[in-house]
Amino acid sequence: MELFLTENQTEDMRLSVRATRVLHHEKTPYQELLVVETPQWGRLMALDGFFQTCDRDEFVYHEMGAHVPLCTHPNPRRVLIIGGGDGGMAREAARHPEVERVDLVEIDERVVECCKQYFPQIAVALSGNPKVHVHIADGIQWVQEHEAEYDVVIIDSSEPIGPGEGLFTANFYARVFRCLKDDGILVAQTESPWVNAPVIQRAYRGIRQSFPITRLYTCAVPTYPTGLWSFTLGSKKYDPLQAEPEKRVGALGELRYYTPEVHRAAFQLPVFVQRILAEAEAEEEQP
């Protein structure tokens, strides 16, 4: 069997990959879940038609989402991951010797179970790792019920539609602020600067409303729209530009993307991305 799986990235752009086999397909209570085998990217999972993770490039997204905040915080003992049902962020967070507990809160249990079956190298921390605790629950409600509990919160959400829509609001970021300890750090995935500038601006403004230090950084994930992806970091105290990841990275084992040099370079933004953020800041100043 051969087919092309196509993600409608925008009304004017699509990305297709050739699939040789459908491994899993179901409609969960929350979304359509599909896993296929592809010659180019290995196994690939899509939710509601949007590519979420695949064998070949997942390490970029997960290393940059986890290690940037965890190497910025001097003593990240408790970590909360909202979403992230594939387990990649939990796998990377659990590498840190300082981290004692990772709570992963995923709304769709079928994503977790499916990834355990078809992506065991990504979901490795979801079974048998004493640091990692999986909760099938609503991340928004979880944040509301926990105050001053976490050192780092990572928002590993899908696109801002369906189950992920409520994770891109200023009210949610304000709740995360309260969920963090006095020196806590938030990181949220915030889409592509090329095709999702309004999403970035919305998240950037929302995080800036609560966090005194707000920084956007980028990485290269080829199966995500345009390949250029962004995260936005909000910090109560620690500036990632002043972090010393050299002191921490040696204890993490073998990595494939993140380095101290990449940590610093990720915050050096192209002019067009700087302008996206400048426009967001200018809108804040308007009466």
C-alpha atoms as a PDB file:
ATOM      1  CA  MET A   1       0.000   0.000   0.000  1.00  0.00           C
ATOM      2  CA  GLU A   2       1.238   3.491  -0.849  1.00  0.00           C
ATOM      3  CA  LEU A   3      -0.339   6.847  -0.145  1.00  0.00           C
ATOM      4  CA  PHE A   4       0.623  10.431   0.481  1.00  0.00           C
ATOM      5  CA  LEU A   5      -0.298  11.889   3.856  1.00  0.00           C
ATOM      6  CA  THR A   6      -0.899  15.606   3.453  1.00  0.00           C
ATOM      7  CA  GLU A   7      -1.034  18.281   6.127  1.00  0.00           C
ATOM      8  CA  ASN A   8      -2.916  21.409   5.121  1.00  0.00           C
ATOM      9  CA  GLN A   9      -0.541  23.781   6.847  1.00  0.00           C
ATOM     10  CA  THR A  10      -2.378  26.901   5.706  1.00  0.00           C
ATOM     11  CA  GLU A  11      -5.028  27.620   3.083  1.00  0.00           C
ATOM     12  CA  ASP A  12      -2.193  28.200   0.628  1.00  0.00           C
ATOM     13  CA  MET A  13       0.400  25.591   1.616  1.00  0.00           C
ATOM     14  CA  ARG A  14       0.501  21.846   2.092  1.00  0.00           C
ATOM     15  CA  LEU A  15       3.176  19.357   3.109  1.00  0.00           C
ATOM     16  CA  SER A  16       2.975  15.749   1.904  1.00  0.00           C
ATOM     17  CA  VAL A  17       4.963  12.684   2.869  1.00  0.00           C
ATOM     18  CA  ARG A  18       4.783   9.277   1.259  1.00  0.00           C
ATOM     19  CA  ALA A  19       3.464   6.575   3.555  1.00  0.00           C
ATOM     20  CA  THR A  20       3.897   2.900   2.858  1.00  0.00           C
ATOM     21  CA  ARG A  21       1.698   1.573   5.627  1.00  0.00           C
ATOM     22  CA  VAL A  22      -1.045   2.720   7.994  1.00  0.00           C
ATOM     23  CA  LEU A  23      -0.119   1.361  11.404  1.00  0.00           C
ATOM     24  CA  HIS A  24      -2.971   2.822  13.436  1.00  0.00           C
ATOM     25  CA  HIS A  25      -6.063   4.941  12.796  1.00  0.00           C
ATOM     26  CA  GLU A  26      -8.826   5.851  15.219  1.00  0.00           C
ATOM     27  CA  LYS A  27     -11.126   8.616  16.293  1.00  0.00           C
ATOM     28  CA  THR A  28     -10.485   9.250  19.982  1.00  0.00           C
ATOM     29  CA  PRO A  29     -12.936  11.197  22.180  1.00  0.00           C
ATOM     30  CA  TYR A  30     -10.875  14.304  21.352  1.00  0.00           C
ATOM     31  CA  GLN A  31      -9.306  13.974  17.900  1.00  0.00           C
ATOM     32  CA  GLU A  32      -8.409  11.800  14.930  1.00  0.00           C
ATOM     33  CA  LEU A  33      -5.211   9.842  15.581  1.00  0.00           C
ATOM     34  CA  LEU A  34      -3.146   8.389  12.752  1.00  0.00           C
ATOM     35  CA  VAL A  35       0.231   6.614  12.710  1.00  0.00           C
ATOM     36  CA  VAL A  36       1.898   5.749   9.410  1.00  0.00           C
ATOM     37  CA  GLU A  37       5.198   4.328   8.225  1.00  0.00           C
ATOM     38  CA  THR A  38       7.137   6.637   5.886  1.00  0.00           C
ATOM     39  CA  PRO A  39      10.401   6.055   3.973  1.00  0.00           C
ATOM     40  CA  GLN A  40      11.647   9.610   4.636  1.00  0.00           C
ATOM     41  CA  TRP A  41      10.804  10.146   8.306  1.00  0.00           C
ATOM     42  CA  GLY A  42      10.156   6.710   9.782  1.00  0.00           C
ATOM     43  CA  ARG A  43       6.985   6.380  11.799  1.00  0.00           C
ATOM     44  CA  LEU A  44       4.910   9.554  11.927  1.00  0.00           C
ATOM     45  CA  MET A  45       1.911  10.490  14.064  1.00  0.00           C
ATOM     46  CA  ALA A  46      -0.737  12.992  13.017  1.00  0.00           C
ATOM     47  CA  LEU A  47      -3.596  14.425  15.083  1.00  0.00           C
ATOM     48  CA  ASP A  48      -6.556  15.853  13.169  1.00  0.00           C
ATOM     49  CA  GLY A  49      -4.354  15.887  10.083  1.00  0.00           C
ATOM     50  CA  PHE A  50      -1.466  17.827  11.658  1.00  0.00           C
ATOM     51  CA  PHE A  51       1.943  16.174  11.919  1.00  0.00           C
ATOM     52  CA  GLN A  52       2.913  15.824  15.585  1.00  0.00           C
ATOM     53  CA  THR A  53       6.031  13.692  15.862  1.00  0.00           C
ATOM     54  CA  CYS A  54       8.142  11.297  13.852  1.00  0.00           C
ATOM     55  CA  ASP A  55      11.152   9.061  14.359  1.00  0.00           C
ATOM     56  CA  ARG A  56      13.780  11.108  12.544  1.00  0.00           C
ATOM     57  CA  ASP A  57      13.390  14.683  13.792  1.00  0.00           C
ATOM     58  CA  GLU A  58      11.580  14.401  17.148  1.00  0.00           C
ATOM     59  CA  PHE A  59      14.798  14.904  19.099  1.00  0.00           C
ATOM     60  CA  VAL A  60      15.123  18.507  17.923  1.00  0.00           C
ATOM     61  CA  TYR A  61      11.778  19.619  19.288  1.00  0.00           C
ATOM     62  CA  HIS A  62      12.034  17.660  22.524  1.00  0.00           C
ATOM     63  CA  GLU A  63      15.621  18.616  23.368  1.00  0.00           C
ATOM     64  CA  MET A  64      15.001  22.296  22.724  1.00  0.00           C
ATOM     65  CA  GLY A  65      11.677  22.358  24.546  1.00  0.00           C
ATOM     66  CA  ALA A  66      13.115  20.716  27.654  1.00  0.00           C
ATOM     67  CA  HIS A  67      16.796  21.598  27.990  1.00  0.00           C
ATOM     68  CA  VAL A  68      16.581  25.337  27.356  1.00  0.00           C
ATOM     69  CA  PRO A  69      14.395  26.001  30.441  1.00  0.00           C
ATOM     70  CA  LEU A  70      15.936  23.238  32.549  1.00  0.00           C
ATOM     71  CA  CYS A  71      19.481  24.473  31.884  1.00  0.00           C
ATOM     72  CA  THR A  72      18.356  28.043  32.625  1.00  0.00           C
ATOM     73  CA  HIS A  73      16.877  27.197  36.029  1.00  0.00           C
ATOM     74  CA  PRO A  74      19.662  26.526  38.567  1.00  0.00           C
ATOM     75  CA  ASN A  75      17.780  23.819  40.483  1.00  0.00           C
ATOM     76  CA  PRO A  76      14.742  22.435  38.611  1.00  0.00           C
ATOM     77  CA  ARG A  77      13.399  19.764  40.937  1.00  0.00           C
ATOM     78  CA  ARG A  78       9.718  19.589  39.924  1.00  0.00           C
ATOM     79  CA  VAL A  79       8.596  19.789  36.302  1.00  0.00           C
ATOM     80  CA  LEU A  80       5.088  19.938  34.833  1.00  0.00           C
ATOM     81  CA  ILE A  81       4.432  19.041  31.199  1.00  0.00           C
ATOM     82  CA  ILE A  82       1.046  19.968  29.752  1.00  0.00           C
ATOM     83  CA  GLY A  83       0.319  17.801  26.712  1.00  0.00           C
ATOM     84  CA  GLY A  84       3.327  15.893  25.496  1.00  0.00           C
ATOM     85  CA  GLY A  85       1.532  12.558  25.384  1.00  0.00           C
ATOM     86  CA  ASP A  86       4.215  11.095  23.121  1.00  0.00           C
ATOM     87  CA  GLY A  87       6.606  11.230  26.088  1.00  0.00           C
ATOM     88  CA  GLY A  88       9.500  13.019  24.403  1.00  0.00           C
ATOM     89  CA  MET A  89       9.559  16.029  26.724  1.00  0.00           C
ATOM     90  CA  ALA A  90       9.311  13.742  29.747  1.00  0.00           C
ATOM     91  CA  ARG A  91      12.200  11.645  28.432  1.00  0.00           C
ATOM     92  CA  GLU A  92      14.412  14.724  28.116  1.00  0.00           C
ATOM     93  CA  ALA A  93      13.350  16.276  31.437  1.00  0.00           C
ATOM     94  CA  ALA A  94      14.087  13.035  33.281  1.00  0.00           C
ATOM     95  CA  ARG A  95      17.697  13.178  32.064  1.00  0.00           C
ATOM     96  CA  HIS A  96      18.443  16.021  34.490  1.00  0.00           C
ATOM     97  CA  PRO A  97      19.878  14.739  37.790  1.00  0.00           C
ATOM     98  CA  GLU A  98      18.343  17.672  39.665  1.00  0.00           C
ATOM     99  CA  VAL A  99      14.821  16.785  38.502  1.00  0.00           C
ATOM    100  CA  GLU A 100      13.045  14.700  41.131  1.00  0.00           C
ATOM    101  CA  ARG A 101       9.537  14.549  39.672  1.00  0.00           C
ATOM    102  CA  VAL A 102       7.932  15.091  36.270  1.00  0.00           C
ATOM    103  CA  ASP A 103       4.136  15.348  36.117  1.00  0.00           C
ATOM    104  CA  LEU A 104       2.862  14.833  32.576  1.00  0.00           C
ATOM    105  CA  VAL A 105      -0.753  15.898  32.112  1.00  0.00           C
ATOM    106  CA  GLU A 106      -2.268  14.700  28.829  1.00  0.00           C
ATOM    107  CA  ILE A 107      -5.965  14.960  28.072  1.00  0.00           C
ATOM    108  CA  ASP A 108      -6.101  12.105  25.537  1.00  0.00           C
ATOM    109  CA  GLU A 109      -5.162   8.719  26.968  1.00  0.00           C
ATOM    110  CA  ARG A 110      -5.171   7.130  23.532  1.00  0.00           C
ATOM    111  CA  VAL A 111      -2.230   9.305  22.439  1.00  0.00           C
ATOM    112  CA  VAL A 112      -0.183   8.037  25.372  1.00  0.00           C
ATOM    113  CA  GLU A 113      -1.036   4.383  24.768  1.00  0.00           C
ATOM    114  CA  CYS A 114      -0.515   4.643  21.033  1.00  0.00           C
ATOM    115  CA  CYS A 115       2.907   6.228  21.438  1.00  0.00           C
ATOM    116  CA  LYS A 116       3.972   3.553  23.903  1.00  0.00           C
ATOM    117  CA  GLN A 117       3.162   0.986  21.230  1.00  0.00           C
ATOM    118  CA  TYR A 118       4.466   2.653  18.077  1.00  0.00           C
ATOM    119  CA  PHE A 119       7.109   5.115  19.351  1.00  0.00           C
ATOM    120  CA  PRO A 120       8.775   3.262  22.257  1.00  0.00           C
ATOM    121  CA  GLN A 121      12.032   5.213  21.888  1.00  0.00           C
ATOM    122  CA  ILE A 122      10.102   8.486  22.380  1.00  0.00           C
ATOM    123  CA  ALA A 123       7.747   7.186  25.076  1.00  0.00           C
ATOM    124  CA  VAL A 124      10.484   5.357  26.985  1.00  0.00           C
ATOM    125  CA  ALA A 125      10.045   7.468  30.146  1.00  0.00           C
ATOM    126  CA  LEU A 126       6.286   6.855  30.356  1.00  0.00           C
ATOM    127  CA  SER A 127       6.665   3.325  31.695  1.00  0.00           C
ATOM    128  CA  GLY A 128       8.923   2.392  34.567  1.00  0.00           C
ATOM    129  CA  ASN A 129      10.731   5.688  35.100  1.00  0.00           C
ATOM    130  CA  PRO A 130      10.261   6.550  38.792  1.00  0.00           C
ATOM    131  CA  LYS A 131      10.571  10.272  38.122  1.00  0.00           C
ATOM    132  CA  VAL A 132       7.729  10.427  35.597  1.00  0.00           C
ATOM    133  CA  HIS A 133       4.054  10.412  36.602  1.00  0.00           C
ATOM    134  CA  VAL A 134       1.418  10.382  33.858  1.00  0.00           C
ATOM    135  CA  HIS A 135      -1.985  11.942  34.557  1.00  0.00           C
ATOM    136  CA  ILE A 136      -4.866  11.686  32.095  1.00  0.00           C
ATOM    137  CA  ALA A 137      -6.490  14.999  32.833  1.00  0.00           C
ATOM    138  CA  ASP A 138      -7.265  18.495  31.558  1.00  0.00           C
ATOM    139  CA  GLY A 139      -4.080  20.574  31.739  1.00  0.00           C
ATOM    140  CA  ILE A 140      -5.959  23.818  32.275  1.00  0.00           C
ATOM    141  CA  GLN A 141      -7.801  22.398  35.277  1.00  0.00           C
ATOM    142  CA  TRP A 142      -4.559  20.865  36.613  1.00  0.00           C
ATOM    143  CA  VAL A 143      -2.835  24.240  36.595  1.00  0.00           C
ATOM    144  CA  GLN A 144      -5.784  25.832  38.386  1.00  0.00           C
ATOM    145  CA  GLU A 145      -5.545  23.254  41.184  1.00  0.00           C
ATOM    146  CA  HIS A 146      -1.788  23.541  41.836  1.00  0.00           C
ATOM    147  CA  GLU A 147      -0.162  26.690  43.183  1.00  0.00           C
ATOM    148  CA  ALA A 148       3.544  27.509  43.683  1.00  0.00           C
ATOM    149  CA  GLU A 149       4.413  23.865  43.089  1.00  0.00           C
ATOM    150  CA  TYR A 150       6.649  23.639  40.023  1.00  0.00           C
ATOM    151  CA  ASP A 151      10.063  24.952  39.030  1.00  0.00           C
ATOM    152  CA  VAL A 152       9.488  24.534  35.290  1.00  0.00           C
ATOM    153  CA  VAL A 153       6.270  24.184  33.276  1.00  0.00           C
ATOM    154  CA  ILE A 154       6.492  23.063  29.638  1.00  0.00           C
ATOM    155  CA  ILE A 155       3.448  23.539  27.406  1.00  0.00           C
ATOM    156  CA  ASP A 156       3.838  20.829  24.768  1.00  0.00           C
ATOM    157  CA  SER A 157       0.547  21.400  23.014  1.00  0.00           C
ATOM    158  CA  SER A 158      -0.781  20.650  19.574  1.00  0.00           C
ATOM    159  CA  GLU A 159      -1.929  23.468  17.297  1.00  0.00           C
ATOM    160  CA  PRO A 160      -4.196  26.141  18.848  1.00  0.00           C
ATOM    161  CA  ILE A 161      -7.333  24.356  17.709  1.00  0.00           C
ATOM    162  CA  GLY A 162      -9.403  21.654  19.374  1.00  0.00           C
ATOM    163  CA  PRO A 163      -7.869  20.395  22.657  1.00  0.00           C
ATOM    164  CA  GLY A 164      -4.916  22.795  22.370  1.00  0.00           C
ATOM    165  CA  GLU A 165      -6.832  26.034  21.877  1.00  0.00           C
ATOM    166  CA  GLY A 166      -7.134  26.982  25.552  1.00  0.00           C
ATOM    167  CA  LEU A 167      -3.365  26.660  26.066  1.00  0.00           C
ATOM    168  CA  PHE A 168      -2.605  29.827  24.080  1.00  0.00           C
ATOM    169  CA  THR A 169      -4.453  32.415  26.167  1.00  0.00           C
ATOM    170  CA  ALA A 170      -3.229  35.139  28.518  1.00  0.00           C
ATOM    171  CA  ASN A 171      -5.500  33.788  31.262  1.00  0.00           C
ATOM    172  CA  PHE A 172      -3.873  30.377  31.006  1.00  0.00           C
ATOM    173  CA  TYR A 173      -0.355  31.841  31.177  1.00  0.00           C
ATOM    174  CA  ALA A 174      -1.405  33.809  34.264  1.00  0.00           C
ATOM    175  CA  ARG A 175      -2.565  30.563  35.880  1.00  0.00           C
ATOM    176  CA  VAL A 176       0.763  28.941  35.009  1.00  0.00           C
ATOM    177  CA  PHE A 177       2.520  31.889  36.679  1.00  0.00           C
ATOM    178  CA  ARG A 178       0.682  31.071  39.909  1.00  0.00           C
ATOM    179  CA  CYS A 179       1.404  27.372  39.459  1.00  0.00           C
ATOM    180  CA  LEU A 180       5.160  28.095  39.436  1.00  0.00           C
ATOM    181  CA  LYS A 181       7.402  28.746  42.402  1.00  0.00           C
ATOM    182  CA  ASP A 182       8.841  32.214  42.983  1.00  0.00           C
ATOM    183  CA  ASP A 183      11.701  31.616  40.535  1.00  0.00           C
ATOM    184  CA  GLY A 184       9.834  29.408  38.075  1.00  0.00           C
ATOM    185  CA  ILE A 185      10.075  29.213  34.291  1.00  0.00           C
ATOM    186  CA  LEU A 186       7.433  28.566  31.624  1.00  0.00           C
ATOM    187  CA  VAL A 187       8.150  27.395  28.075  1.00  0.00           C
ATOM    188  CA  ALA A 188       5.429  27.051  25.434  1.00  0.00           C
ATOM    189  CA  GLN A 189       5.683  25.878  21.845  1.00  0.00           C
ATOM    190  CA  THR A 190       4.487  28.781  19.726  1.00  0.00           C
ATOM    191  CA  GLU A 191       4.447  27.613  16.094  1.00  0.00           C
ATOM    192  CA  SER A 192       6.259  28.907  12.978  1.00  0.00           C
ATOM    193  CA  PRO A 193       7.298  32.542  12.431  1.00  0.00           C
ATOM    194  CA  TRP A 194       6.718  32.136   8.697  1.00  0.00           C
ATOM    195  CA  VAL A 195       3.068  31.091   8.743  1.00  0.00           C
ATOM    196  CA  ASN A 196       1.859  31.530  12.334  1.00  0.00           C
ATOM    197  CA  ALA A 197       3.007  35.052  13.251  1.00  0.00           C
ATOM    198  CA  PRO A 198      -0.386  35.937  14.836  1.00  0.00           C
ATOM    199  CA  VAL A 199      -0.126  32.875  17.098  1.00  0.00           C
ATOM    200  CA  ILE A 200       3.374  33.907  18.175  1.00  0.00           C
ATOM    201  CA  GLN A 201       2.226  37.451  18.879  1.00  0.00           C
ATOM    202  CA  ARG A 202      -0.763  36.260  20.859  1.00  0.00           C
ATOM    203  CA  ALA A 203       1.371  33.951  23.000  1.00  0.00           C
ATOM    204  CA  TYR A 204       4.187  36.462  23.390  1.00  0.00           C
ATOM    205  CA  ARG A 205       1.832  39.197  24.561  1.00  0.00           C
ATOM    206  CA  GLY A 206       0.024  36.808  26.878  1.00  0.00           C
ATOM    207  CA  ILE A 207       3.224  35.578  28.512  1.00  0.00           C
ATOM    208  CA  ARG A 208       4.636  39.120  28.828  1.00  0.00           C
ATOM    209  CA  GLN A 209       1.551  40.135  30.783  1.00  0.00           C
ATOM    210  CA  SER A 210       2.604  37.814  33.603  1.00  0.00           C
ATOM    211  CA  PHE A 211       6.350  37.195  33.307  1.00  0.00           C
ATOM    212  CA  PRO A 212       8.997  39.919  33.722  1.00  0.00           C
ATOM    213  CA  ILE A 213      11.415  38.063  31.419  1.00  0.00           C
ATOM    214  CA  THR A 214       9.963  36.865  28.103  1.00  0.00           C
ATOM    215  CA  ARG A 215      12.163  35.481  25.318  1.00  0.00           C
ATOM    216  CA  LEU A 216      11.406  33.759  22.033  1.00  0.00           C
ATOM    217  CA  TYR A 217      13.793  31.188  20.588  1.00  0.00           C
ATOM    218  CA  THR A 218      13.806  29.000  17.504  1.00  0.00           C
ATOM    219  CA  CYS A 219      14.965  25.631  16.211  1.00  0.00           C
ATOM    220  CA  ALA A 220      14.759  23.611  12.990  1.00  0.00           C
ATOM    221  CA  VAL A 221      12.094  20.871  12.834  1.00  0.00           C
ATOM    222  CA  PRO A 222      11.667  19.847   9.172  1.00  0.00           C
ATOM    223  CA  THR A 223       8.275  18.120   9.465  1.00  0.00           C
ATOM    224  CA  TYR A 224       6.677  21.182  11.082  1.00  0.00           C
ATOM    225  CA  PRO A 225       5.379  24.036   8.904  1.00  0.00           C
ATOM    226  CA  THR A 226       8.326  25.685   7.077  1.00  0.00           C
ATOM    227  CA  GLY A 227      10.882  23.875   9.280  1.00  0.00           C
ATOM    228  CA  LEU A 228      11.499  26.950  11.461  1.00  0.00           C
ATOM    229  CA  TRP A 229       9.805  26.501  14.838  1.00  0.00           C
ATOM    230  CA  SER A 230       9.513  28.691  17.902  1.00  0.00           C
ATOM    231  CA  PHE A 231       9.225  28.418  21.654  1.00  0.00           C
ATOM    232  CA  THR A 232       8.424  31.292  24.000  1.00  0.00           C
ATOM    233  CA  LEU A 233       9.963  31.312  27.466  1.00  0.00           C
ATOM    234  CA  GLY A 234       8.592  33.254  30.408  1.00  0.00           C
ATOM    235  CA  SER A 235      10.696  33.506  33.548  1.00  0.00           C
ATOM    236  CA  LYS A 236      10.101  35.053  36.952  1.00  0.00           C
ATOM    237  CA  LYS A 237      13.802  35.485  37.712  1.00  0.00           C
ATOM    238  CA  TYR A 238      16.344  33.761  35.451  1.00  0.00           C
ATOM    239  CA  ASP A 239      17.283  35.077  32.008  1.00  0.00           C
ATOM    240  CA  PRO A 240      18.140  32.284  29.550  1.00  0.00           C
ATOM    241  CA  LEU A 241      20.648  34.632  27.904  1.00  0.00           C
ATOM    242  CA  GLN A 242      22.641  34.640  31.146  1.00  0.00           C
ATOM    243  CA  ALA A 243      22.407  30.900  31.769  1.00  0.00           C
ATOM    244  CA  GLU A 244      25.503  28.709  31.963  1.00  0.00           C
ATOM    245  CA  PRO A 245      24.397  25.446  30.329  1.00  0.00           C
ATOM    246  CA  GLU A 246      28.008  24.223  30.235  1.00  0.00           C
ATOM    247  CA  LYS A 247      27.636  23.415  33.928  1.00  0.00           C
ATOM    248  CA  ARG A 248      24.698  21.095  33.276  1.00  0.00           C
ATOM    249  CA  VAL A 249      24.884  19.593  29.818  1.00  0.00           C
ATOM    250  CA  GLY A 250      27.618  17.085  30.664  1.00  0.00           C
ATOM    251  CA  ALA A 251      25.264  15.181  32.968  1.00  0.00           C
ATOM    252  CA  LEU A 252      22.555  14.734  30.337  1.00  0.00           C
ATOM    253  CA  GLY A 253      24.124  11.945  28.321  1.00  0.00           C
ATOM    254  CA  GLU A 254      24.301  11.905  24.534  1.00  0.00           C
ATOM    255  CA  LEU A 255      22.226  14.624  22.865  1.00  0.00           C
ATOM    256  CA  ARG A 256      21.703  15.161  19.148  1.00  0.00           C
ATOM    257  CA  TYR A 257      20.750  18.836  18.863  1.00  0.00           C
ATOM    258  CA  TYR A 258      21.062  20.837  22.080  1.00  0.00           C
ATOM    259  CA  THR A 259      24.444  22.237  23.091  1.00  0.00           C
ATOM    260  CA  PRO A 260      25.408  25.297  25.149  1.00  0.00           C
ATOM    261  CA  GLU A 261      26.265  27.042  21.877  1.00  0.00           C
ATOM    262  CA  VAL A 262      22.893  26.163  20.366  1.00  0.00           C
ATOM    263  CA  HIS A 263      21.195  27.381  23.566  1.00  0.00           C
ATOM    264  CA  ARG A 264      22.649  30.851  23.087  1.00  0.00           C
ATOM    265  CA  ALA A 265      22.288  30.928  19.314  1.00  0.00           C
ATOM    266  CA  ALA A 266      18.596  29.983  19.460  1.00  0.00           C
ATOM    267  CA  PHE A 267      17.795  33.397  20.960  1.00  0.00           C
ATOM    268  CA  GLN A 268      19.565  35.298  18.147  1.00  0.00           C
ATOM    269  CA  LEU A 269      16.541  36.062  16.016  1.00  0.00           C
ATOM    270  CA  PRO A 270      16.379  37.048  12.336  1.00  0.00           C
ATOM    271  CA  VAL A 271      15.174  40.573  11.669  1.00  0.00           C
ATOM    272  CA  PHE A 272      11.752  39.468  10.432  1.00  0.00           C
ATOM    273  CA  VAL A 273      11.161  37.533  13.670  1.00  0.00           C
ATOM    274  CA  GLN A 274      12.300  40.504  15.738  1.00  0.00           C
ATOM    275  CA  ARG A 275       9.721  42.579  13.889  1.00  0.00           C
ATOM    276  CA  ILE A 276       6.965  40.083  14.715  1.00  0.00           C
ATOM    277  CA  LEU A 277       7.763  40.566  18.402  1.00  0.00           C
ATOM    278  CA  ALA A 278       8.115  44.353  18.031  1.00  0.00           C
ATOM    279  CA  GLU A 279       4.627  44.500  16.531  1.00  0.00           C
ATOM    280  CA  ALA A 280       3.302  42.493  19.453  1.00  0.00           C
ATOM    281  CA  GLU A 281       4.921  44.879  21.923  1.00  0.00           C
ATOM    282  CA  ALA A 282       3.566  47.894  20.048  1.00  0.00           C
ATOM    283  CA  GLU A 283       0.042  46.523  20.263  1.00  0.00           C
ATOM    284  CA  GLU A 284       0.462  46.260  24.041  1.00  0.00           C
ATOM    285  CA  GLU A 285       1.143  49.984  24.225  1.00  0.00           C
ATOM    286  CA  GLN A 286      -1.959  50.985  22.310  1.00  0.00           C
ATOM    287  CA  PRO A 287      -4.795  52.317  24.513  1.00  0.00           C
END
